[in-house]
């Protein structure tokens, strides 16, 4: 097992493994497609009241950002491993929270009708 200092040094290195860059590309692409799916579900099943338009705009911008990040991550000079992890965790967390918020919003709209 690696010591903590060795693990920290490993994350400070640039990611040069091609398969890992492709894997990160696929993860960000999945997040972008998930955000688009959230927008479709909210617009199909939502009633268009209150915060639905703002929420839809937020998730569309999140999807566009994730798409741009996907291309930049794949074609950029080798990035540091910690930076790639931050990008993936950031977009993954944002899409996950958006999905939970979308389903809660749809449930509240369903209860109120």
PDB file of N, CA and C in Angstrom:
ATOM      1  N   UNK A   1       0.845  -1.177   0.000  1.00  0.00           N
ATOM      2  CA  UNK A   1       0.000   0.000   0.000  1.00  0.00           C
ATOM      3  C   UNK A   1       0.890   1.240   0.000  1.00  0.00           C
ATOM      4  N   UNK A   2       0.511   2.201  -0.802  1.00  0.00           N
ATOM      5  CA  UNK A   2       1.299   3.422  -0.917  1.00  0.00           C
ATOM      6  C   UNK A   2       1.112   4.304   0.313  1.00  0.00           C
ATOM      7  N   UNK A   3       2.157   5.012   0.605  1.00  0.00           N
ATOM      8  CA  UNK A   3       2.033   5.977   1.694  1.00  0.00           C
ATOM      9  C   UNK A   3       1.288   7.200   1.165  1.00  0.00           C
ATOM     10  N   UNK A   4       0.827   8.008   2.067  1.00  0.00           N
ATOM     11  CA  UNK A   4       0.054   9.183   1.687  1.00  0.00           C
ATOM     12  C   UNK A   4       0.885  10.145   0.841  1.00  0.00           C
ATOM     13  N   UNK A   5       2.133  10.339   1.175  1.00  0.00           N
ATOM     14  CA  UNK A   5       2.971  11.265   0.401  1.00  0.00           C
ATOM     15  C   UNK A   5       3.198  10.767  -1.028  1.00  0.00           C
ATOM     16  N   UNK A   6       3.352   9.444  -1.197  1.00  0.00           N
ATOM     17  CA  UNK A   6       3.511   8.892  -2.546  1.00  0.00           C
ATOM     18  C   UNK A   6       2.227   9.045  -3.348  1.00  0.00           C
ATOM     19  N   UNK A   7       1.108   8.865  -2.699  1.00  0.00           N
ATOM     20  CA  UNK A   7      -0.179   9.005  -3.382  1.00  0.00           C
ATOM     21  C   UNK A   7      -0.410  10.459  -3.790  1.00  0.00           C
ATOM     22  N   UNK A   8      -0.051  11.400  -2.945  1.00  0.00           N
ATOM     23  CA  UNK A   8      -0.183  12.821  -3.273  1.00  0.00           C
ATOM     24  C   UNK A   8       0.714  13.171  -4.457  1.00  0.00           C
ATOM     25  N   UNK A   9       1.927  12.675  -4.455  1.00  0.00           N
ATOM     26  CA  UNK A   9       2.847  12.916  -5.573  1.00  0.00           C
ATOM     27  C   UNK A   9       2.309  12.319  -6.869  1.00  0.00           C
ATOM     28  N   UNK A  10       1.676  11.147  -6.778  1.00  0.00           N
ATOM     29  CA  UNK A  10       1.113  10.506  -7.962  1.00  0.00           C
ATOM     30  C   UNK A  10      -0.001  11.376  -8.556  1.00  0.00           C
ATOM     31  N   UNK A  11      -0.838  11.972  -7.712  1.00  0.00           N
ATOM     32  CA  UNK A  11      -1.919  12.829  -8.207  1.00  0.00           C
ATOM     33  C   UNK A  11      -1.401  14.149  -8.761  1.00  0.00           C
ATOM     34  N   UNK A  12      -0.201  14.544  -8.390  1.00  0.00           N
ATOM     35  CA  UNK A  12       0.380  15.785  -8.922  1.00  0.00           C
ATOM     36  C   UNK A  12       0.969  15.600 -10.310  1.00  0.00           C
ATOM     37  N   UNK A  13       1.163  14.361 -10.750  1.00  0.00           N
ATOM     38  CA  UNK A  13       1.731  14.089 -12.065  1.00  0.00           C
ATOM     39  C   UNK A  13       0.683  14.295 -13.154  1.00  0.00           C
ATOM     40  N   UNK A  14       1.164  14.501 -14.381  1.00  0.00           N
ATOM     41  CA  UNK A  14       0.268  14.650 -15.529  1.00  0.00           C
ATOM     42  C   UNK A  14      -0.254  13.275 -15.942  1.00  0.00           C
ATOM     43  N   UNK A  15      -1.502  13.250 -16.372  1.00  0.00           N
ATOM     44  CA  UNK A  15      -2.108  12.002 -16.825  1.00  0.00           C
ATOM     45  C   UNK A  15      -1.725  11.777 -18.287  1.00  0.00           C
ATOM     46  N   UNK A  16      -0.894  10.788 -18.546  1.00  0.00           N
ATOM     47  CA  UNK A  16      -0.431  10.521 -19.904  1.00  0.00           C
ATOM     48  C   UNK A  16      -0.996   9.225 -20.468  1.00  0.00           C
ATOM     49  N   UNK A  17      -1.692   8.454 -19.655  1.00  0.00           N
ATOM     50  CA  UNK A  17      -2.258   7.192 -20.143  1.00  0.00           C
ATOM     51  C   UNK A  17      -3.442   7.495 -21.053  1.00  0.00           C
ATOM     52  N   UNK A  18      -3.372   7.010 -22.283  1.00  0.00           N
ATOM     53  CA  UNK A  18      -4.431   7.302 -23.267  1.00  0.00           C
ATOM     54  C   UNK A  18      -5.760   6.688 -22.860  1.00  0.00           C
ATOM     55  N   UNK A  19      -5.757   5.467 -22.349  1.00  0.00           N
ATOM     56  CA  UNK A  19      -7.010   4.823 -21.990  1.00  0.00           C
ATOM     57  C   UNK A  19      -7.719   5.583 -20.870  1.00  0.00           C
ATOM     58  N   UNK A  20      -6.942   6.181 -19.962  1.00  0.00           N
ATOM     59  CA  UNK A  20      -7.539   6.930 -18.863  1.00  0.00           C
ATOM     60  C   UNK A  20      -8.156   8.228 -19.373  1.00  0.00           C
ATOM     61  N   UNK A  21      -7.513   8.842 -20.362  1.00  0.00           N
ATOM     62  CA  UNK A  21      -8.087  10.060 -20.947  1.00  0.00           C
ATOM     63  C   UNK A  21      -9.380   9.740 -21.683  1.00  0.00           C
ATOM     64  N   UNK A  22      -9.420   8.609 -22.373  1.00  0.00           N
ATOM     65  CA  UNK A  22     -10.649   8.190 -23.057  1.00  0.00           C
ATOM     66  C   UNK A  22     -11.733   7.882 -22.032  1.00  0.00           C
ATOM     67  N   UNK A  23     -11.350   7.246 -20.926  1.00  0.00           N
ATOM     68  CA  UNK A  23     -12.311   6.934 -19.864  1.00  0.00           C
ATOM     69  C   UNK A  23     -12.906   8.226 -19.275  1.00  0.00           C
ATOM     70  N   UNK A  24     -12.057   9.204 -19.011  1.00  0.00           N
ATOM     71  CA  UNK A  24     -12.529  10.493 -18.480  1.00  0.00           C
ATOM     72  C   UNK A  24     -13.433  11.189 -19.491  1.00  0.00           C
ATOM     73  N   UNK A  25     -13.086  11.104 -20.763  1.00  0.00           N
ATOM     74  CA  UNK A  25     -13.916  11.659 -21.834  1.00  0.00           C
ATOM     75  C   UNK A  25     -15.304  11.024 -21.804  1.00  0.00           C
ATOM     76  N   UNK A  26     -15.353   9.698 -21.676  1.00  0.00           N
ATOM     77  CA  UNK A  26     -16.636   8.993 -21.648  1.00  0.00           C
ATOM     78  C   UNK A  26     -17.460   9.359 -20.409  1.00  0.00           C
ATOM     79  N   UNK A  27     -16.786   9.537 -19.282  1.00  0.00           N
ATOM     80  CA  UNK A  27     -17.510   9.944 -18.069  1.00  0.00           C
ATOM     81  C   UNK A  27     -18.159  11.311 -18.238  1.00  0.00           C
ATOM     82  N   UNK A  28     -17.413  12.273 -18.757  1.00  0.00           N
ATOM     83  CA  UNK A  28     -17.990  13.604 -18.959  1.00  0.00           C
ATOM     84  C   UNK A  28     -19.078  13.592 -20.025  1.00  0.00           C
ATOM     85  N   UNK A  29     -18.914  12.771 -21.053  1.00  0.00           N
ATOM     86  CA  UNK A  29     -19.951  12.643 -22.070  1.00  0.00           C
ATOM     87  C   UNK A  29     -21.233  12.073 -21.460  1.00  0.00           C
ATOM     88  N   UNK A  30     -21.085  11.094 -20.574  1.00  0.00           N
ATOM     89  CA  UNK A  30     -22.237  10.525 -19.883  1.00  0.00           C
ATOM     90  C   UNK A  30     -22.946  11.571 -19.026  1.00  0.00           C
ATOM     91  N   UNK A  31     -22.177  12.417 -18.336  1.00  0.00           N
ATOM     92  CA  UNK A  31     -22.780  13.476 -17.527  1.00  0.00           C
ATOM     93  C   UNK A  31     -23.546  14.459 -18.398  1.00  0.00           C
ATOM     94  N   UNK A  32     -22.992  14.797 -19.553  1.00  0.00           N
ATOM     95  CA  UNK A  32     -23.661  15.719 -20.456  1.00  0.00           C
ATOM     96  C   UNK A  32     -24.963  15.121 -20.981  1.00  0.00           C
ATOM     97  N   UNK A  33     -24.924  13.863 -21.382  1.00  0.00           N
ATOM     98  CA  UNK A  33     -26.142  13.204 -21.875  1.00  0.00           C
ATOM     99  C   UNK A  33     -27.171  13.036 -20.763  1.00  0.00           C
ATOM    100  N   UNK A  34     -26.716  12.804 -19.549  1.00  0.00           N
ATOM    101  CA  UNK A  34     -27.638  12.700 -18.418  1.00  0.00           C
ATOM    102  C   UNK A  34     -28.325  14.030 -18.150  1.00  0.00           C
ATOM    103  N   UNK A  35     -27.589  15.128 -18.265  1.00  0.00           N
ATOM    104  CA  UNK A  35     -28.186  16.448 -18.057  1.00  0.00           C
ATOM    105  C   UNK A  35     -29.228  16.738 -19.136  1.00  0.00           C
ATOM    106  N   UNK A  36     -28.955  16.332 -20.370  1.00  0.00           N
ATOM    107  CA  UNK A  36     -29.935  16.520 -21.445  1.00  0.00           C
ATOM    108  C   UNK A  36     -31.182  15.682 -21.166  1.00  0.00           C
ATOM    109  N   UNK A  37     -30.995  14.466 -20.686  1.00  0.00           N
ATOM    110  CA  UNK A  37     -32.140  13.614 -20.353  1.00  0.00           C
ATOM    111  C   UNK A  37     -32.969  14.222 -19.223  1.00  0.00           C
ATOM    112  N   UNK A  38     -32.320  14.837 -18.249  1.00  0.00           N
ATOM    113  CA  UNK A  38     -33.042  15.496 -17.149  1.00  0.00           C
ATOM    114  C   UNK A  38     -33.904  16.620 -17.697  1.00  0.00           C
ATOM    115  N   UNK A  39     -33.355  17.405 -18.625  1.00  0.00           N
ATOM    116  CA  UNK A  39     -34.122  18.503 -19.219  1.00  0.00           C
ATOM    117  C   UNK A  39     -35.352  17.967 -19.954  1.00  0.00           C
ATOM    118  N   UNK A  40     -35.179  16.893 -20.717  1.00  0.00           N
ATOM    119  CA  UNK A  40     -36.316  16.321 -21.435  1.00  0.00           C
ATOM    120  C   UNK A  40     -37.388  15.810 -20.483  1.00  0.00           C
ATOM    121  N   UNK A  41     -36.983  15.116 -19.438  1.00  0.00           N
ATOM    122  CA  UNK A  41     -37.959  14.577 -18.484  1.00  0.00           C
ATOM    123  C   UNK A  41     -38.711  15.705 -17.789  1.00  0.00           C
ATOM    124  N   UNK A  42     -38.001  16.745 -17.376  1.00  0.00           N
ATOM    125  CA  UNK A  42     -38.660  17.862 -16.693  1.00  0.00           C
ATOM    126  C   UNK A  42     -39.618  18.578 -17.629  1.00  0.00           C
ATOM    127  N   UNK A  43     -39.230  18.765 -18.873  1.00  0.00           N
ATOM    128  CA  UNK A  43     -40.115  19.469 -19.809  1.00  0.00           C
ATOM    129  C   UNK A  43     -41.286  18.617 -20.262  1.00  0.00           C
ATOM    130  N   UNK A  44     -41.142  17.314 -20.300  1.00  0.00           N
ATOM    131  CA  UNK A  44     -42.254  16.448 -20.694  1.00  0.00           C
ATOM    132  C   UNK A  44     -43.260  16.294 -19.564  1.00  0.00           C
ATOM    133  N   UNK A  45     -42.759  16.039 -18.348  1.00  0.00           N
ATOM    134  CA  UNK A  45     -43.651  15.734 -17.234  1.00  0.00           C
ATOM    135  C   UNK A  45     -43.954  16.923 -16.330  1.00  0.00           C
ATOM    136  N   UNK A  46     -43.245  18.004 -16.474  1.00  0.00           N
ATOM    137  CA  UNK A  46     -43.493  19.173 -15.639  1.00  0.00           C
ATOM    138  C   UNK A  46     -44.677  19.983 -16.152  1.00  0.00           C
ATOM    139  N   UNK A  47     -45.231  20.818 -15.275  1.00  0.00           N
ATOM    140  CA  UNK A  47     -46.368  21.632 -15.681  1.00  0.00           C
ATOM    141  C   UNK A  47     -45.972  23.058 -16.048  1.00  0.00           C
ATOM    142  N   UNK A  48     -44.680  23.366 -16.031  1.00  0.00           N
ATOM    143  CA  UNK A  48     -44.199  24.674 -16.484  1.00  0.00           C
ATOM    144  C   UNK A  48     -44.393  25.801 -15.495  1.00  0.00           C
ATOM    145  N   UNK A  49     -44.629  25.496 -14.241  1.00  0.00           N
ATOM    146  CA  UNK A  49     -44.873  26.543 -13.260  1.00  0.00           C
ATOM    147  C   UNK A  49     -43.621  26.866 -12.475  1.00  0.00           C
ATOM    148  N   UNK A  50     -43.628  28.037 -11.909  1.00  0.00           N
ATOM    149  CA  UNK A  50     -42.634  28.535 -10.963  1.00  0.00           C
ATOM    150  C   UNK A  50     -41.200  28.398 -11.463  1.00  0.00           C
ATOM    151  N   UNK A  51     -40.408  27.546 -10.856  1.00  0.00           N
ATOM    152  CA  UNK A  51     -38.971  27.508 -11.122  1.00  0.00           C
ATOM    153  C   UNK A  51     -38.565  26.548 -12.241  1.00  0.00           C
ATOM    154  N   UNK A  52     -39.511  25.989 -12.955  1.00  0.00           N
ATOM    155  CA  UNK A  52     -39.151  25.004 -13.969  1.00  0.00           C
ATOM    156  C   UNK A  52     -38.302  25.614 -15.083  1.00  0.00           C
ATOM    157  N   UNK A  53     -38.618  26.819 -15.518  1.00  0.00           N
ATOM    158  CA  UNK A  53     -37.834  27.453 -16.585  1.00  0.00           C
ATOM    159  C   UNK A  53     -36.412  27.760 -16.120  1.00  0.00           C
ATOM    160  N   UNK A  54     -36.270  28.243 -14.901  1.00  0.00           N
ATOM    161  CA  UNK A  54     -34.944  28.540 -14.359  1.00  0.00           C
ATOM    162  C   UNK A  54     -34.145  27.251 -14.192  1.00  0.00           C
ATOM    163  N   UNK A  55     -34.790  26.229 -13.690  1.00  0.00           N
ATOM    164  CA  UNK A  55     -34.120  24.940 -13.508  1.00  0.00           C
ATOM    165  C   UNK A  55     -33.681  24.368 -14.856  1.00  0.00           C
ATOM    166  N   UNK A  56     -34.567  24.443 -15.851  1.00  0.00           N
ATOM    167  CA  UNK A  56     -34.225  23.949 -17.184  1.00  0.00           C
ATOM    168  C   UNK A  56     -33.036  24.701 -17.757  1.00  0.00           C
ATOM    169  N   UNK A  57     -33.019  26.008 -17.599  1.00  0.00           N
ATOM    170  CA  UNK A  57     -31.897  26.807 -18.087  1.00  0.00           C
ATOM    171  C   UNK A  57     -30.596  26.407 -17.384  1.00  0.00           C
ATOM    172  N   UNK A  58     -30.659  26.217 -16.079  1.00  0.00           N
ATOM    173  CA  UNK A  58     -29.474  25.810 -15.322  1.00  0.00           C
ATOM    174  C   UNK A  58     -28.927  24.480 -15.821  1.00  0.00           C
ATOM    175  N   UNK A  59     -29.794  23.510 -16.038  1.00  0.00           N
ATOM    176  CA  UNK A  59     -29.337  22.184 -16.455  1.00  0.00           C
ATOM    177  C   UNK A  59     -28.845  22.205 -17.906  1.00  0.00           C
ATOM    178  N   UNK A  60     -29.447  23.033 -18.757  1.00  0.00           N
ATOM    179  CA  UNK A  60     -28.955  23.162 -20.129  1.00  0.00           C
ATOM    180  C   UNK A  60     -27.547  23.760 -20.132  1.00  0.00           C
ATOM    181  N   UNK A  61     -27.323  24.786 -19.327  1.00  0.00           N
ATOM    182  CA  UNK A  61     -25.983  25.375 -19.221  1.00  0.00           C
ATOM    183  C   UNK A  61     -24.998  24.356 -18.650  1.00  0.00           C
ATOM    184  N   UNK A  62     -25.427  23.558 -17.686  1.00  0.00           N
ATOM    185  CA  UNK A  62     -24.587  22.498 -17.142  1.00  0.00           C
ATOM    186  C   UNK A  62     -24.223  21.491 -18.227  1.00  0.00           C
ATOM    187  N   UNK A  63     -25.177  21.130 -19.060  1.00  0.00           N
ATOM    188  CA  UNK A  63     -24.911  20.185 -20.138  1.00  0.00           C
ATOM    189  C   UNK A  63     -23.938  20.762 -21.163  1.00  0.00           C
ATOM    190  N   UNK A  64     -24.115  22.018 -21.512  1.00  0.00           N
ATOM    191  CA  UNK A  64     -23.204  22.665 -22.463  1.00  0.00           C
ATOM    192  C   UNK A  64     -21.801  22.750 -21.870  1.00  0.00           C
ATOM    193  N   UNK A  65     -21.706  23.109 -20.603  1.00  0.00           N
ATOM    194  CA  UNK A  65     -20.400  23.182 -19.942  1.00  0.00           C
ATOM    195  C   UNK A  65     -19.718  21.823 -19.907  1.00  0.00           C
ATOM    196  N   UNK A  66     -20.483  20.799 -19.606  1.00  0.00           N
ATOM    197  CA  UNK A  66     -19.925  19.458 -19.571  1.00  0.00           C
ATOM    198  C   UNK A  66     -19.472  19.023 -20.962  1.00  0.00           C
ATOM    199  N   UNK A  67     -20.220  19.376 -21.986  1.00  0.00           N
ATOM    200  CA  UNK A  67     -19.826  19.041 -23.356  1.00  0.00           C
ATOM    201  C   UNK A  67     -18.530  19.743 -23.742  1.00  0.00           C
ATOM    202  N   UNK A  68     -18.419  21.017 -23.403  1.00  0.00           N
ATOM    203  CA  UNK A  68     -17.182  21.750 -23.691  1.00  0.00           C
ATOM    204  C   UNK A  68     -16.021  21.189 -22.893  1.00  0.00           C
ATOM    205  N   UNK A  69     -16.285  20.822 -21.651  1.00  0.00           N
ATOM    206  CA  UNK A  69     -15.241  20.226 -20.826  1.00  0.00           C
ATOM    207  C   UNK A  69     -14.803  18.873 -21.352  1.00  0.00           C
ATOM    208  N   UNK A  70     -15.727  18.142 -21.972  1.00  0.00           N
ATOM    209  CA  UNK A  70     -15.400  16.849 -22.543  1.00  0.00           C
ATOM    210  C   UNK A  70     -14.357  16.991 -23.640  1.00  0.00           C
ATOM    211  N   UNK A  71     -14.609  17.903 -24.561  1.00  0.00           N
ATOM    212  CA  UNK A  71     -13.659  18.111 -25.664  1.00  0.00           C
ATOM    213  C   UNK A  71     -12.331  18.663 -25.147  1.00  0.00           C
ATOM    214  N   UNK A  72     -12.402  19.601 -24.227  1.00  0.00           N
ATOM    215  CA  UNK A  72     -11.173  20.194 -23.702  1.00  0.00           C
ATOM    216  C   UNK A  72     -10.344  19.170 -22.940  1.00  0.00           C
ATOM    217  N   UNK A  73     -11.003  18.311 -22.186  1.00  0.00           N
ATOM    218  CA  UNK A  73     -10.285  17.296 -21.418  1.00  0.00           C
ATOM    219  C   UNK A  73      -9.595  16.289 -22.332  1.00  0.00           C
ATOM    220  N   UNK A  74     -10.245  15.941 -23.429  1.00  0.00           N
ATOM    221  CA  UNK A  74      -9.689  14.931 -24.313  1.00  0.00           C
ATOM    222  C   UNK A  74      -8.525  15.473 -25.145  1.00  0.00           C
ATOM    223  N   UNK A  75      -8.648  16.719 -25.624  1.00  0.00           N
ATOM    224  CA  UNK A  75      -7.639  17.261 -26.530  1.00  0.00           C
ATOM    225  C   UNK A  75      -6.594  18.146 -25.851  1.00  0.00           C
ATOM    226  N   UNK A  76      -6.740  18.422 -24.586  1.00  0.00           N
ATOM    227  CA  UNK A  76      -5.793  19.298 -23.890  1.00  0.00           C
ATOM    228  C   UNK A  76      -4.454  18.583 -23.697  1.00  0.00           C
ATOM    229  N   UNK A  77      -3.438  19.383 -23.440  1.00  0.00           N
ATOM    230  CA  UNK A  77      -2.167  18.791 -23.032  1.00  0.00           C
ATOM    231  C   UNK A  77      -2.435  17.986 -21.778  1.00  0.00           C
ATOM    232  N   UNK A  78      -1.626  16.997 -21.520  1.00  0.00           N
ATOM    233  CA  UNK A  78      -1.902  16.178 -20.332  1.00  0.00           C
ATOM    234  C   UNK A  78      -2.106  17.036 -19.077  1.00  0.00           C
ATOM    235  N   UNK A  79      -3.266  16.880 -18.479  1.00  0.00           N
ATOM    236  CA  UNK A  79      -3.607  17.610 -17.268  1.00  0.00           C
ATOM    237  C   UNK A  79      -3.147  16.820 -16.049  1.00  0.00           C
ATOM    238  N   UNK A  80      -3.047  17.495 -14.955  1.00  0.00           N
ATOM    239  CA  UNK A  80      -2.704  16.833 -13.697  1.00  0.00           C
ATOM    240  C   UNK A  80      -3.854  15.912 -13.292  1.00  0.00           C
ATOM    241  N   UNK A  81      -3.527  14.826 -12.642  1.00  0.00           N
ATOM    242  CA  UNK A  81      -4.556  13.853 -12.247  1.00  0.00           C
ATOM    243  C   UNK A  81      -5.559  14.453 -11.269  1.00  0.00           C
ATOM    244  N   UNK A  82      -5.100  15.286 -10.346  1.00  0.00           N
ATOM    245  CA  UNK A  82      -6.014  15.873  -9.376  1.00  0.00           C
ATOM    246  C   UNK A  82      -6.995  16.809 -10.060  1.00  0.00           C
ATOM    247  N   UNK A  83      -6.556  17.507 -11.106  1.00  0.00           N
ATOM    248  CA  UNK A  83      -7.438  18.427 -11.827  1.00  0.00           C
ATOM    249  C   UNK A  83      -8.529  17.660 -12.569  1.00  0.00           C
ATOM    250  N   UNK A  84      -8.163  16.548 -13.169  1.00  0.00           N
ATOM    251  CA  UNK A  84      -9.152  15.721 -13.859  1.00  0.00           C
ATOM    252  C   UNK A  84     -10.192  15.204 -12.869  1.00  0.00           C
ATOM    253  N   UNK A  85      -9.742  14.782 -11.691  1.00  0.00           N
ATOM    254  CA  UNK A  85     -10.674  14.300 -10.672  1.00  0.00           C
ATOM    255  C   UNK A  85     -11.630  15.395 -10.218  1.00  0.00           C
ATOM    256  N   UNK A  86     -11.117  16.601 -10.054  1.00  0.00           N
ATOM    257  CA  UNK A  86     -11.970  17.733  -9.640  1.00  0.00           C
ATOM    258  C   UNK A  86     -13.030  18.010 -10.700  1.00  0.00           C
ATOM    259  N   UNK A  87     -12.643  18.007 -11.967  1.00  0.00           N
ATOM    260  CA  UNK A  87     -13.586  18.259 -13.057  1.00  0.00           C
ATOM    261  C   UNK A  87     -14.670  17.190 -13.072  1.00  0.00           C
ATOM    262  N   UNK A  88     -14.277  15.947 -12.984  1.00  0.00           N
ATOM    263  CA  UNK A  88     -15.251  14.852 -13.045  1.00  0.00           C
ATOM    264  C   UNK A  88     -16.173  14.869 -11.825  1.00  0.00           C
ATOM    265  N   UNK A  89     -15.611  15.051 -10.632  1.00  0.00           N
ATOM    266  CA  UNK A  89     -16.457  15.106  -9.433  1.00  0.00           C
ATOM    267  C   UNK A  89     -17.385  16.310  -9.457  1.00  0.00           C
ATOM    268  N   UNK A  90     -16.911  17.426  -9.976  1.00  0.00           N
ATOM    269  CA  UNK A  90     -17.737  18.630 -10.057  1.00  0.00           C
ATOM    270  C   UNK A  90     -18.944  18.449 -10.958  1.00  0.00           C
ATOM    271  N   UNK A  91     -18.697  17.995 -12.173  1.00  0.00           N
ATOM    272  CA  UNK A  91     -19.814  17.789 -13.098  1.00  0.00           C
ATOM    273  C   UNK A  91     -20.705  16.638 -12.666  1.00  0.00           C
ATOM    274  N   UNK A  92     -20.111  15.573 -12.157  1.00  0.00           N
ATOM    275  CA  UNK A  92     -20.914  14.443 -11.689  1.00  0.00           C
ATOM    276  C   UNK A  92     -21.813  14.819 -10.523  1.00  0.00           C
ATOM    277  N   UNK A  93     -21.272  15.562  -9.583  1.00  0.00           N
ATOM    278  CA  UNK A  93     -22.076  16.018  -8.448  1.00  0.00           C
ATOM    279  C   UNK A  93     -23.178  16.973  -8.868  1.00  0.00           C
ATOM    280  N   UNK A  94     -22.854  17.870  -9.787  1.00  0.00           N
ATOM    281  CA  UNK A  94     -23.863  18.839 -10.253  1.00  0.00           C
ATOM    282  C   UNK A  94     -25.000  18.142 -10.986  1.00  0.00           C
ATOM    283  N   UNK A  95     -24.679  17.175 -11.823  1.00  0.00           N
ATOM    284  CA  UNK A  95     -25.726  16.449 -12.547  1.00  0.00           C
ATOM    285  C   UNK A  95     -26.543  15.598 -11.577  1.00  0.00           C
ATOM    286  N   UNK A  96     -25.892  14.976 -10.612  1.00  0.00           N
ATOM    287  CA  UNK A  96     -26.618  14.176  -9.625  1.00  0.00           C
ATOM    288  C   UNK A  96     -27.570  15.009  -8.783  1.00  0.00           C
ATOM    289  N   UNK A  97     -27.097  16.139  -8.319  1.00  0.00           N
ATOM    290  CA  UNK A  97     -27.957  17.033  -7.541  1.00  0.00           C
ATOM    291  C   UNK A  97     -29.093  17.570  -8.406  1.00  0.00           C
ATOM    292  N   UNK A  98     -28.812  17.857  -9.665  1.00  0.00           N
ATOM    293  CA  UNK A  98     -29.860  18.329 -10.581  1.00  0.00           C
ATOM    294  C   UNK A  98     -30.921  17.260 -10.797  1.00  0.00           C
ATOM    295  N   UNK A  99     -30.503  16.014 -10.898  1.00  0.00           N
ATOM    296  CA  UNK A  99     -31.466  14.927 -11.076  1.00  0.00           C
ATOM    297  C   UNK A  99     -32.359  14.786  -9.846  1.00  0.00           C
ATOM    298  N   UNK A 100     -31.758  14.837  -8.673  1.00  0.00           N
ATOM    299  CA  UNK A 100     -32.561  14.742  -7.447  1.00  0.00           C
ATOM    300  C   UNK A 100     -33.525  15.929  -7.361  1.00  0.00           C
ATOM    301  N   UNK A 101     -33.042  17.134  -7.657  1.00  0.00           N
ATOM    302  CA  UNK A 101     -33.897  18.318  -7.616  1.00  0.00           C
ATOM    303  C   UNK A 101     -35.018  18.220  -8.643  1.00  0.00           C
ATOM    304  N   UNK A 102     -34.713  17.694  -9.822  1.00  0.00           N
ATOM    305  CA  UNK A 102     -35.740  17.559 -10.859  1.00  0.00           C
ATOM    306  C   UNK A 102     -36.849  16.617 -10.420  1.00  0.00           C
ATOM    307  N   UNK A 103     -36.472  15.479  -9.881  1.00  0.00           N
ATOM    308  CA  UNK A 103     -37.493  14.523  -9.464  1.00  0.00           C
ATOM    309  C   UNK A 103     -38.284  15.019  -8.261  1.00  0.00           C
ATOM    310  N   UNK A 104     -37.644  15.742  -7.355  1.00  0.00           N
ATOM    311  CA  UNK A 104     -38.386  16.344  -6.245  1.00  0.00           C
ATOM    312  C   UNK A 104     -39.343  17.418  -6.749  1.00  0.00           C
ATOM    313  N   UNK A 105     -38.893  18.224  -7.710  1.00  0.00           N
ATOM    314  CA  UNK A 105     -39.754  19.261  -8.270  1.00  0.00           C
ATOM    315  C   UNK A 105     -40.951  18.640  -8.985  1.00  0.00           C
ATOM    316  N   UNK A 106     -40.712  17.567  -9.757  1.00  0.00           N
ATOM    317  CA  UNK A 106     -41.812  16.896 -10.431  1.00  0.00           C
ATOM    318  C   UNK A 106     -42.784  16.259  -9.438  1.00  0.00           C
ATOM    319  N   UNK A 107     -42.246  15.712  -8.367  1.00  0.00           N
ATOM    320  CA  UNK A 107     -43.104  15.127  -7.334  1.00  0.00           C
ATOM    321  C   UNK A 107     -43.951  16.191  -6.654  1.00  0.00           C
ATOM    322  N   UNK A 108     -43.357  17.329  -6.348  1.00  0.00           N
ATOM    323  CA  UNK A 108     -44.136  18.414  -5.728  1.00  0.00           C
ATOM    324  C   UNK A 108     -45.206  18.954  -6.681  1.00  0.00           C
ATOM    325  N   UNK A 109     -44.885  19.029  -7.973  1.00  0.00           N
ATOM    326  CA  UNK A 109     -45.887  19.456  -8.948  1.00  0.00           C
ATOM    327  C   UNK A 109     -47.010  18.423  -9.039  1.00  0.00           C
ATOM    328  N   UNK A 110     -46.663  17.154  -8.950  1.00  0.00           N
ATOM    329  CA  UNK A 110     -47.657  16.093  -9.021  1.00  0.00           C
ATOM    330  C   UNK A 110     -48.576  16.127  -7.793  1.00  0.00           C
ATOM    331  N   UNK A 111     -48.007  16.400  -6.626  1.00  0.00           N
ATOM    332  CA  UNK A 111     -48.807  16.443  -5.399  1.00  0.00           C
ATOM    333  C   UNK A 111     -49.754  17.635  -5.410  1.00  0.00           C
ATOM    334  N   UNK A 112     -49.280  18.762  -5.936  1.00  0.00           N
ATOM    335  CA  UNK A 112     -50.083  19.986  -5.877  1.00  0.00           C
ATOM    336  C   UNK A 112     -51.230  19.997  -6.884  1.00  0.00           C
ATOM    337  N   UNK A 113     -51.237  19.085  -7.835  1.00  0.00           N
ATOM    338  CA  UNK A 113     -52.347  19.060  -8.813  1.00  0.00           C
ATOM    339  C   UNK A 113     -53.395  18.079  -8.435  1.00  0.00           C
TER     340      UNK A 113
END
